[in-house]
Amino acid sequence: MKKVTKLLAAVLTIAALIGTTAAATVAGVEVSTFKTSVTTTDGSDPALSIGGITPINLGGIDLGLELALGVNGDDVLTDLNVTYNLTEFGPATVFATGGLGLNWIDTDSIGLDARAGVGVSYALEETKALFATYTFGYDFDASDNDTQFRAGISFKF
């Protein structure tokens, strides 16, 4: 629990330093949202993650494409997720998410996982929101299932 508290404090410190944000382009891609969070997965220490979301439209459906990078001791976790807003009520938005992760574990092996789940975000103001996601995943390298909980803050540009 102590590690989670320290990581959450780091996330909130990053949030305070960022303050008001402006539009950003990274490698020629428009990034509309920046996210920083703490991620916990079955059987491993919490990871501090940062990521960006770009809006995409596939077949007339508005989606978000997220690339996230997490660090957990000797592990480097990368995730490529697609999100879809299911419903909004007041300042809260419920969304579905799914994607793939490519993870460099203990600096000596690479693992691949797939996950899907739901999340909720709560707008604190027009450009800032708290969010949490719960996903079910399958780790192809270890041939087992795991769940993941992620909570943090996001900044819209």
Protein backbone atom coordinates (compact mmCIF):
# COMPACT_ATOMS: atom_id res chain seq x y z
CA MET A 1 0.00 0.00 0.00
CA LYS A 2 2.93 2.30 0.71
CA LYS A 3 4.12 2.06 -2.93
CA VAL A 4 0.63 2.90 -4.23
CA THR A 5 0.50 5.98 -1.97
CA LYS A 6 3.91 7.17 -3.18
CA LEU A 7 2.97 6.63 -6.83
CA LEU A 8 -0.35 8.44 -6.37
CA ALA A 9 1.52 11.35 -4.78
CA ALA A 10 3.83 11.44 -7.83
CA VAL A 11 0.82 11.50 -10.18
CA LEU A 12 -0.78 14.40 -8.28
CA THR A 13 2.54 16.28 -8.28
CA ILE A 14 2.77 15.92 -12.06
CA ALA A 15 -0.83 17.15 -12.31
CA ALA A 16 -0.05 20.24 -10.25
CA LEU A 17 3.02 21.04 -12.36
CA ILE A 18 1.15 20.73 -15.65
CA GLY A 19 -1.66 23.13 -14.76
CA THR A 20 -3.33 24.60 -17.84
CA THR A 21 -2.47 22.77 -21.04
CA ALA A 22 -2.38 23.77 -24.70
CA ALA A 23 -2.76 21.84 -27.96
CA ALA A 24 0.10 19.51 -28.75
CA THR A 25 1.43 17.64 -31.76
CA VAL A 26 3.74 14.69 -31.17
CA ALA A 27 5.51 13.14 -34.20
CA GLY A 28 2.91 14.73 -36.49
CA VAL A 29 -0.06 13.33 -34.53
CA GLU A 30 -2.52 15.63 -32.75
CA VAL A 31 -2.72 14.65 -29.10
CA SER A 32 -5.98 15.80 -27.49
CA THR A 33 -5.55 14.37 -23.98
CA PHE A 34 -2.58 13.70 -21.70
CA LYS A 35 -3.03 11.08 -18.94
CA THR A 36 -0.95 10.22 -15.92
CA SER A 37 -1.92 7.34 -13.64
CA VAL A 38 -1.07 4.51 -11.29
CA THR A 39 -1.71 1.00 -12.61
CA THR A 40 -1.98 -2.15 -10.51
CA THR A 41 -2.03 -5.65 -12.00
CA ASP A 42 -2.56 -9.00 -10.28
CA GLY A 43 0.65 -10.18 -8.66
CA SER A 44 2.89 -7.21 -9.50
CA ASP A 45 3.90 -3.88 -8.00
CA PRO A 46 2.04 -0.71 -9.07
CA ALA A 47 3.35 1.14 -12.13
CA LEU A 48 3.43 4.86 -12.85
CA SER A 49 2.07 5.48 -16.36
CA ILE A 50 1.87 8.42 -18.74
CA GLY A 51 0.10 8.50 -22.08
CA GLY A 52 -1.61 10.47 -24.76
CA ILE A 53 -4.89 10.10 -26.64
CA THR A 54 -5.63 11.15 -30.20
CA PRO A 55 -9.18 11.22 -31.58
CA ILE A 56 -9.87 8.86 -34.49
CA ASN A 57 -12.97 8.06 -36.52
CA LEU A 58 -13.47 4.52 -37.82
CA GLY A 59 -16.53 3.86 -39.94
CA GLY A 60 -18.30 6.93 -38.58
CA ILE A 61 -17.62 6.01 -34.94
CA ASP A 62 -15.65 8.48 -32.82
CA LEU A 63 -12.96 6.69 -30.81
CA GLY A 64 -9.85 7.58 -28.86
CA LEU A 65 -6.49 5.93 -29.63
CA GLU A 66 -4.26 5.84 -26.56
CA LEU A 67 -0.56 5.08 -26.29
CA ALA A 68 0.68 4.70 -22.71
CA LEU A 69 4.07 3.98 -21.17
CA GLY A 70 4.44 2.66 -17.63
CA VAL A 71 7.43 1.94 -15.40
CA ASN A 72 7.45 -0.55 -12.54
CA GLY A 73 10.91 -1.23 -11.15
CA ASP A 74 12.65 -3.28 -13.86
CA ASP A 75 9.48 -3.56 -15.98
CA VAL A 76 8.58 -1.24 -18.87
CA LEU A 77 4.92 -1.49 -19.86
CA THR A 78 3.51 -0.17 -23.14
CA ASP A 79 -0.17 -0.20 -24.04
CA LEU A 80 -2.05 0.64 -27.21
CA ASN A 81 -5.75 1.02 -26.41
CA VAL A 82 -8.92 2.13 -28.16
CA THR A 83 -11.64 3.84 -26.10
CA TYR A 84 -15.31 4.49 -26.85
CA ASN A 85 -17.57 6.74 -24.78
CA LEU A 86 -20.68 4.72 -23.88
CA THR A 87 -22.72 7.34 -22.03
CA GLU A 88 -22.47 10.64 -20.20
CA PHE A 89 -24.41 11.86 -17.19
CA GLY A 90 -23.49 15.24 -15.79
CA PRO A 91 -19.72 15.53 -15.43
CA ALA A 92 -19.23 11.72 -15.57
CA THR A 93 -18.50 9.66 -18.68
CA VAL A 94 -18.60 5.86 -18.83
CA PHE A 95 -16.36 4.34 -21.52
CA ALA A 96 -15.26 0.99 -22.90
CA THR A 97 -11.58 0.29 -23.54
CA GLY A 98 -9.55 -2.48 -25.09
CA GLY A 99 -6.10 -3.01 -26.51
CA LEU A 100 -2.74 -4.72 -26.55
CA GLY A 101 0.27 -4.40 -24.30
CA LEU A 102 3.90 -5.12 -25.08
CA ASN A 103 5.82 -5.39 -21.85
CA TRP A 104 9.56 -5.63 -21.20
CA ILE A 105 9.66 -7.71 -18.00
CA ASP A 106 12.64 -7.70 -15.62
CA THR A 107 14.75 -6.29 -18.49
CA ASP A 108 15.20 -9.79 -19.95
CA SER A 109 11.93 -10.96 -21.54
CA ILE A 110 9.11 -9.48 -23.57
CA GLY A 111 5.47 -10.29 -22.87
CA LEU A 112 2.32 -9.61 -24.87
CA ASP A 113 -1.13 -9.18 -23.39
CA ALA A 114 -4.61 -8.23 -24.56
CA ARG A 115 -7.20 -6.58 -22.35
CA ALA A 116 -10.73 -5.19 -22.39
CA GLY A 117 -12.81 -3.41 -19.79
CA VAL A 118 -14.74 -0.36 -18.68
CA GLY A 119 -13.88 2.94 -17.13
CA VAL A 120 -15.35 6.13 -15.81
CA SER A 121 -14.06 9.69 -15.89
CA TYR A 122 -15.30 12.60 -13.83
CA ALA A 123 -14.65 16.13 -15.11
CA LEU A 124 -13.23 18.41 -12.43
CA GLU A 125 -13.29 21.33 -14.84
CA GLU A 126 -13.34 21.75 -18.61
CA THR A 127 -9.76 20.54 -19.13
CA LYS A 128 -9.13 18.20 -16.17
CA ALA A 129 -10.75 14.93 -15.14
CA LEU A 130 -10.17 12.05 -12.75
CA PHE A 131 -10.49 8.59 -14.29
CA ALA A 132 -10.45 4.93 -13.35
CA THR A 133 -10.50 1.78 -15.50
CA TYR A 134 -10.93 -1.88 -14.65
CA THR A 135 -9.85 -4.37 -17.29
CA PHE A 136 -9.65 -8.11 -17.71
CA GLY A 137 -6.58 -9.31 -19.58
CA TYR A 138 -4.91 -12.36 -21.02
CA ASP A 139 -1.11 -12.63 -20.87
CA PHE A 140 0.04 -14.65 -23.90
CA ASP A 141 3.58 -15.12 -22.55
CA ALA A 142 2.49 -16.57 -19.19
CA SER A 143 -0.70 -18.14 -20.62
CA ASP A 144 -2.83 -16.78 -17.79
CA ASN A 145 -5.55 -14.25 -17.03
CA ASP A 146 -5.19 -11.12 -14.94
CA THR A 147 -7.10 -8.02 -13.99
CA GLN A 148 -5.82 -4.46 -13.95
CA PHE A 149 -6.99 -1.32 -12.17
CA ARG A 150 -5.80 2.09 -13.33
CA ALA A 151 -6.58 5.46 -11.73
CA GLY A 152 -5.29 8.92 -12.49
CA ILE A 153 -5.88 12.36 -13.90
CA SER A 154 -6.26 13.51 -17.50
CA PHE A 155 -5.74 16.88 -19.17
CA LYS A 156 -7.60 17.85 -22.35
CA PHE A 157 -5.96 20.23 -24.79
